[in-house]
PDB file of N, CA and C in Angstrom:
ATOM      1  N   MET A   1       0.887 -15.744 -13.053  1.00  0.00           N
ATOM      2  CA  MET A   1       1.183 -15.781 -14.265  1.00  0.00           C
ATOM      3  C   MET A   1       1.524 -14.293 -14.316  1.00  0.00           C
ATOM      4  N   PRO A   2       3.025 -14.114 -14.799  1.00  0.00           N
ATOM      5  CA  PRO A   2       3.270 -12.853 -15.073  1.00  0.00           C
ATOM      6  C   PRO A   2       3.085 -12.349 -16.451  1.00  0.00           C
ATOM      7  N   LYS A   3       2.722 -10.957 -16.308  1.00  0.00           N
ATOM      8  CA  LYS A   3       1.843  -9.943 -17.256  1.00  0.00           C
ATOM      9  C   LYS A   3       2.652  -8.771 -17.938  1.00  0.00           C
ATOM     10  N   SER A   4       3.498  -8.714 -18.993  1.00  0.00           N
ATOM     11  CA  SER A   4       3.884  -7.704 -19.378  1.00  0.00           C
ATOM     12  C   SER A   4       3.289  -6.519 -19.318  1.00  0.00           C
ATOM     13  N   LEU A   5       3.892  -5.566 -18.833  1.00  0.00           N
ATOM     14  CA  LEU A   5       3.607  -3.885 -18.765  1.00  0.00           C
ATOM     15  C   LEU A   5       4.211  -3.147 -19.892  1.00  0.00           C
ATOM     16  N   ILE A   6       3.967  -2.412 -20.738  1.00  0.00           N
ATOM     17  CA  ILE A   6       4.541  -2.022 -21.850  1.00  0.00           C
ATOM     18  C   ILE A   6       3.904  -0.444 -21.514  1.00  0.00           C
ATOM     19  N   ALA A   7       5.067   0.464 -21.375  1.00  0.00           N
ATOM     20  CA  ALA A   7       5.049   2.060 -20.666  1.00  0.00           C
ATOM     21  C   ALA A   7       5.185   2.700 -22.018  1.00  0.00           C
ATOM     22  N   VAL A   8       4.200   3.302 -22.661  1.00  0.00           N
ATOM     23  CA  VAL A   8       4.504   4.353 -23.896  1.00  0.00           C
ATOM     24  C   VAL A   8       4.207   5.739 -23.212  1.00  0.00           C
ATOM     25  N   PRO A   9       4.544   6.604 -24.323  1.00  0.00           N
ATOM     26  CA  PRO A   9       3.519   8.102 -23.913  1.00  0.00           C
ATOM     27  C   PRO A   9       2.412   8.061 -24.591  1.00  0.00           C
ATOM     28  N   ASN A  10       1.149   8.841 -23.488  1.00  0.00           N
ATOM     29  CA  ASN A  10       0.239   9.028 -23.700  1.00  0.00           C
ATOM     30  C   ASN A  10      -0.405   8.789 -25.281  1.00  0.00           C
ATOM     31  N   HIS A  11       0.456   9.504 -26.120  1.00  0.00           N
ATOM     32  CA  HIS A  11      -0.248   9.827 -27.534  1.00  0.00           C
ATOM     33  C   HIS A  11      -0.085   8.541 -28.355  1.00  0.00           C
ATOM     34  N   LEU A  12       0.951   7.408 -27.750  1.00  0.00           N
ATOM     35  CA  LEU A  12       1.020   6.397 -28.458  1.00  0.00           C
ATOM     36  C   LEU A  12       0.583   5.328 -28.060  1.00  0.00           C
ATOM     37  N   THR A  13      -0.255   5.135 -26.797  1.00  0.00           N
ATOM     38  CA  THR A  13      -1.064   4.152 -26.126  1.00  0.00           C
ATOM     39  C   THR A  13      -1.865   3.275 -27.351  1.00  0.00           C
ATOM     40  N   GLU A  14      -2.763   3.872 -27.856  1.00  0.00           N
ATOM     41  CA  GLU A  14      -3.696   3.059 -29.117  1.00  0.00           C
ATOM     42  C   GLU A  14      -2.773   2.503 -30.103  1.00  0.00           C
ATOM     43  N   GLN A  15      -2.102   3.284 -30.380  1.00  0.00           N
ATOM     44  CA  GLN A  15      -0.989   2.905 -31.769  1.00  0.00           C
ATOM     45  C   GLN A  15      -0.596   1.523 -31.538  1.00  0.00           C
ATOM     46  N   LEU A  16       0.082   1.394 -29.864  1.00  0.00           N
ATOM     47  CA  LEU A  16       0.633   0.451 -29.316  1.00  0.00           C
ATOM     48  C   LEU A  16      -0.198  -0.915 -29.505  1.00  0.00           C
ATOM     49  N   ALA A  17      -1.191  -0.332 -28.930  1.00  0.00           N
ATOM     50  CA  ALA A  17      -2.388  -1.650 -28.861  1.00  0.00           C
ATOM     51  C   ALA A  17      -2.617  -2.273 -30.230  1.00  0.00           C
ATOM     52  N   SER A  18      -2.876  -1.384 -30.981  1.00  0.00           N
ATOM     53  CA  SER A  18      -2.925  -1.764 -32.726  1.00  0.00           C
ATOM     54  C   SER A  18      -2.325  -2.312 -33.049  1.00  0.00           C
ATOM     55  N   ASP A  19      -0.983  -2.017 -32.972  1.00  0.00           N
ATOM     56  CA  ASP A  19       0.538  -2.813 -33.275  1.00  0.00           C
ATOM     57  C   ASP A  19       0.199  -4.177 -32.442  1.00  0.00           C
ATOM     58  N   PHE A  20       0.135  -4.077 -31.419  1.00  0.00           N
ATOM     59  CA  PHE A  20       0.569  -5.417 -30.516  1.00  0.00           C
ATOM     60  C   PHE A  20      -0.652  -6.390 -31.084  1.00  0.00           C
ATOM     61  N   LEU A  21      -1.862  -6.002 -31.348  1.00  0.00           N
ATOM     62  CA  LEU A  21      -2.671  -6.953 -32.254  1.00  0.00           C
ATOM     63  C   LEU A  21      -2.387  -7.451 -33.561  1.00  0.00           C
ATOM     64  N   THR A  22      -1.867  -7.024 -34.419  1.00  0.00           N
ATOM     65  CA  THR A  22      -1.396  -6.976 -35.998  1.00  0.00           C
ATOM     66  C   THR A  22      -0.568  -8.188 -35.451  1.00  0.00           C
ATOM     67  N   LEU A  23       0.530  -7.957 -34.719  1.00  0.00           N
ATOM     68  CA  LEU A  23       1.472  -9.084 -34.379  1.00  0.00           C
ATOM     69  C   LEU A  23       0.955 -10.145 -33.553  1.00  0.00           C
ATOM     70  N   TYR A  24      -0.050 -10.152 -32.877  1.00  0.00           N
ATOM     71  CA  TYR A  24      -0.718 -10.973 -31.664  1.00  0.00           C
ATOM     72  C   TYR A  24      -2.178 -10.830 -31.800  1.00  0.00           C
ATOM     73  N   PRO A  25      -2.883 -11.542 -32.683  1.00  0.00           N
ATOM     74  CA  PRO A  25      -4.123 -11.312 -33.493  1.00  0.00           C
ATOM     75  C   PRO A  25      -4.959 -11.972 -32.453  1.00  0.00           C
ATOM     76  N   GLY A  26      -4.549 -12.914 -31.548  1.00  0.00           N
ATOM     77  CA  GLY A  26      -5.266 -13.719 -30.238  1.00  0.00           C
ATOM     78  C   GLY A  26      -5.205 -12.916 -29.239  1.00  0.00           C
ATOM     79  N   ALA A  27      -4.349 -12.105 -28.934  1.00  0.00           N
ATOM     80  CA  ALA A  27      -3.959 -11.769 -27.591  1.00  0.00           C
ATOM     81  C   ALA A  27      -4.911 -11.102 -27.068  1.00  0.00           C
ATOM     82  N   ASN A  28      -4.933 -11.043 -25.484  1.00  0.00           N
ATOM     83  CA  ASN A  28      -6.140 -10.297 -24.553  1.00  0.00           C
ATOM     84  C   ASN A  28      -5.045  -9.308 -23.806  1.00  0.00           C
ATOM     85  N   ILE A  29      -5.185  -7.970 -24.265  1.00  0.00           N
ATOM     86  CA  ILE A  29      -4.640  -6.954 -23.867  1.00  0.00           C
ATOM     87  C   ILE A  29      -5.639  -5.939 -23.059  1.00  0.00           C
ATOM     88  N   LEU A  30      -5.122  -5.399 -22.089  1.00  0.00           N
ATOM     89  CA  LEU A  30      -5.358  -4.513 -21.472  1.00  0.00           C
ATOM     90  C   LEU A  30      -4.622  -3.148 -21.946  1.00  0.00           C
ATOM     91  N   VAL A  31      -5.819  -2.006 -22.384  1.00  0.00           N
ATOM     92  CA  VAL A  31      -5.344  -0.867 -22.815  1.00  0.00           C
ATOM     93  C   VAL A  31      -5.741   0.234 -21.688  1.00  0.00           C
ATOM     94  N   ALA A  32      -4.921   1.234 -21.101  1.00  0.00           N
ATOM     95  CA  ALA A  32      -5.312   2.000 -20.274  1.00  0.00           C
ATOM     96  C   ALA A  32      -5.847   3.293 -21.123  1.00  0.00           C
ATOM     97  N   THR A  33      -6.760   4.030 -20.357  1.00  0.00           N
ATOM     98  CA  THR A  33      -7.278   5.196 -21.102  1.00  0.00           C
ATOM     99  C   THR A  33      -6.607   6.165 -19.965  1.00  0.00           C
ATOM    100  N   LYS A  34      -7.447   7.498 -20.384  1.00  0.00           N
ATOM    101  CA  LYS A  34      -7.003   8.505 -19.209  1.00  0.00           C
ATOM    102  C   LYS A  34      -7.674   8.435 -18.163  1.00  0.00           C
ATOM    103  N   LYS A  35      -9.376   8.185 -18.679  1.00  0.00           N
ATOM    104  CA  LYS A  35     -10.064   7.891 -17.126  1.00  0.00           C
ATOM    105  C   LYS A  35      -9.388   6.600 -16.071  1.00  0.00           C
ATOM    106  N   ASP A  36      -8.456   5.494 -16.622  1.00  0.00           N
ATOM    107  CA  ASP A  36      -7.948   4.882 -15.990  1.00  0.00           C
ATOM    108  C   ASP A  36      -7.553   5.374 -14.582  1.00  0.00           C
ATOM    109  N   PHE A  37      -6.774   6.633 -15.118  1.00  0.00           N
ATOM    110  CA  PHE A  37      -5.665   7.159 -14.009  1.00  0.00           C
ATOM    111  C   PHE A  37      -6.182   8.446 -13.420  1.00  0.00           C
ATOM    112  N   GLU A  38      -7.302   8.664 -13.899  1.00  0.00           N
ATOM    113  CA  GLU A  38      -8.042   9.548 -12.930  1.00  0.00           C
ATOM    114  C   GLU A  38      -8.331   8.996 -11.271  1.00  0.00           C
ATOM    115  N   THR A  39      -8.540  10.168 -10.085  1.00  0.00           N
ATOM    116  CA  THR A  39      -8.211   9.248  -8.802  1.00  0.00           C
ATOM    117  C   THR A  39      -8.991   8.008  -8.370  1.00  0.00           C
ATOM    118  N   LYS A  40     -10.147   8.653  -8.874  1.00  0.00           N
ATOM    119  CA  LYS A  40     -11.334   7.384  -8.524  1.00  0.00           C
ATOM    120  C   LYS A  40     -11.356   5.915  -9.197  1.00  0.00           C
ATOM    121  N   ASN A  41     -10.718   6.185 -10.410  1.00  0.00           N
ATOM    122  CA  ASN A  41     -10.826   4.800 -11.256  1.00  0.00           C
ATOM    123  C   ASN A  41      -9.290   3.725 -10.740  1.00  0.00           C
ATOM    124  N   ARG A  42      -8.394   5.032 -10.293  1.00  0.00           N
ATOM    125  CA  ARG A  42      -6.919   3.831 -10.175  1.00  0.00           C
ATOM    126  C   ARG A  42      -7.126   2.932  -9.718  1.00  0.00           C
ATOM    127  N   LYS A  43      -7.677   2.570  -8.324  1.00  0.00           N
ATOM    128  CA  LYS A  43      -7.366   0.857  -7.756  1.00  0.00           C
ATOM    129  C   LYS A  43      -8.348   0.120  -8.398  1.00  0.00           C
ATOM    130  N   ARG A  44      -9.144   0.197  -9.060  1.00  0.00           N
ATOM    131  CA  ARG A  44     -10.398  -0.422  -9.929  1.00  0.00           C
ATOM    132  C   ARG A  44      -9.284  -1.090 -11.125  1.00  0.00           C
ATOM    133  N   PHE A  45      -8.152  -0.004 -11.571  1.00  0.00           N
ATOM    134  CA  PHE A  45      -7.822  -0.350 -12.596  1.00  0.00           C
ATOM    135  C   PHE A  45      -6.621  -1.309 -12.291  1.00  0.00           C
ATOM    136  N   CYS A  46      -6.078  -0.686 -11.226  1.00  0.00           N
ATOM    137  CA  CYS A  46      -4.671  -1.667 -10.909  1.00  0.00           C
ATOM    138  C   CYS A  46      -5.449  -3.079 -10.510  1.00  0.00           C
ATOM    139  N   ALA A  47      -6.508  -3.253  -9.951  1.00  0.00           N
ATOM    140  CA  ALA A  47      -7.289  -4.201  -9.615  1.00  0.00           C
ATOM    141  C   ALA A  47      -7.517  -5.538 -11.048  1.00  0.00           C
ATOM    142  N   ARG A  48      -7.898  -4.711 -12.167  1.00  0.00           N
ATOM    143  CA  ARG A  48      -7.954  -5.327 -13.423  1.00  0.00           C
ATOM    144  C   ARG A  48      -7.023  -5.784 -13.607  1.00  0.00           C
ATOM    145  N   ILE A  49      -5.750  -5.175 -13.408  1.00  0.00           N
ATOM    146  CA  ILE A  49      -4.415  -5.601 -13.952  1.00  0.00           C
ATOM    147  C   ILE A  49      -3.937  -6.988 -13.044  1.00  0.00           C
ATOM    148  N   ALA A  50      -4.094  -6.756 -12.344  1.00  0.00           N
ATOM    149  CA  ALA A  50      -3.766  -7.896 -11.002  1.00  0.00           C
ATOM    150  C   ALA A  50      -4.422  -9.363 -10.809  1.00  0.00           C
ATOM    151  N   THR A  51      -6.126  -8.930 -11.386  1.00  0.00           N
ATOM    152  CA  THR A  51      -6.698 -10.093 -11.438  1.00  0.00           C
ATOM    153  C   THR A  51      -7.227 -10.911 -12.526  1.00  0.00           C
ATOM    154  N   GLY A  52      -7.023  -9.871 -13.525  1.00  0.00           N
ATOM    155  CA  GLY A  52      -7.404 -10.239 -15.081  1.00  0.00           C
ATOM    156  C   GLY A  52      -6.230 -11.090 -15.650  1.00  0.00           C
ATOM    157  N   LYS A  53      -6.675 -11.974 -16.667  1.00  0.00           N
ATOM    158  CA  LYS A  53      -5.938 -13.115 -17.555  1.00  0.00           C
ATOM    159  C   LYS A  53      -5.322 -12.318 -18.845  1.00  0.00           C
ATOM    160  N   TYR A  54      -4.235 -11.465 -18.773  1.00  0.00           N
ATOM    161  CA  TYR A  54      -4.204 -10.586 -19.970  1.00  0.00           C
ATOM    162  C   TYR A  54      -2.836 -11.013 -20.382  1.00  0.00           C
ATOM    163  N   ASP A  55      -2.580 -10.840 -21.676  1.00  0.00           N
ATOM    164  CA  ASP A  55      -1.137 -11.315 -22.011  1.00  0.00           C
ATOM    165  C   ASP A  55      -0.300 -10.181 -21.925  1.00  0.00           C
ATOM    166  N   ALA A  56      -0.773  -9.176 -22.009  1.00  0.00           N
ATOM    167  CA  ALA A  56      -0.364  -7.502 -22.291  1.00  0.00           C
ATOM    168  C   ALA A  56      -0.898  -6.373 -21.401  1.00  0.00           C
ATOM    169  N   VAL A  57      -0.150  -5.677 -20.574  1.00  0.00           N
ATOM    170  CA  VAL A  57      -1.406  -4.305 -20.107  1.00  0.00           C
ATOM    171  C   VAL A  57      -0.427  -2.944 -20.895  1.00  0.00           C
ATOM    172  N   CYS A  58      -1.371  -2.138 -21.935  1.00  0.00           N
ATOM    173  CA  CYS A  58      -0.307  -0.737 -22.554  1.00  0.00           C
ATOM    174  C   CYS A  58      -0.307   0.022 -21.645  1.00  0.00           C
ATOM    175  N   LYS A  59       0.206   1.160 -21.399  1.00  0.00           N
ATOM    176  CA  LYS A  59      -0.062   2.248 -21.131  1.00  0.00           C
ATOM    177  C   LYS A  59       1.566   3.224 -21.211  1.00  0.00           C
TER     178      LYS A  59
END
């Protein structure tokens, strides 16, 4: 199943996630943090995107 990836500037990531959950309260979303894009964590984060059952991914 395709997932929506929403890319926004870093300072708006949490605000977008909050707004998304306001509009879609039952949604299962994955919100990226700065730690997710550190070299040691990138592969695991991408694997979570690929294998998780998320309605949207916010970064």
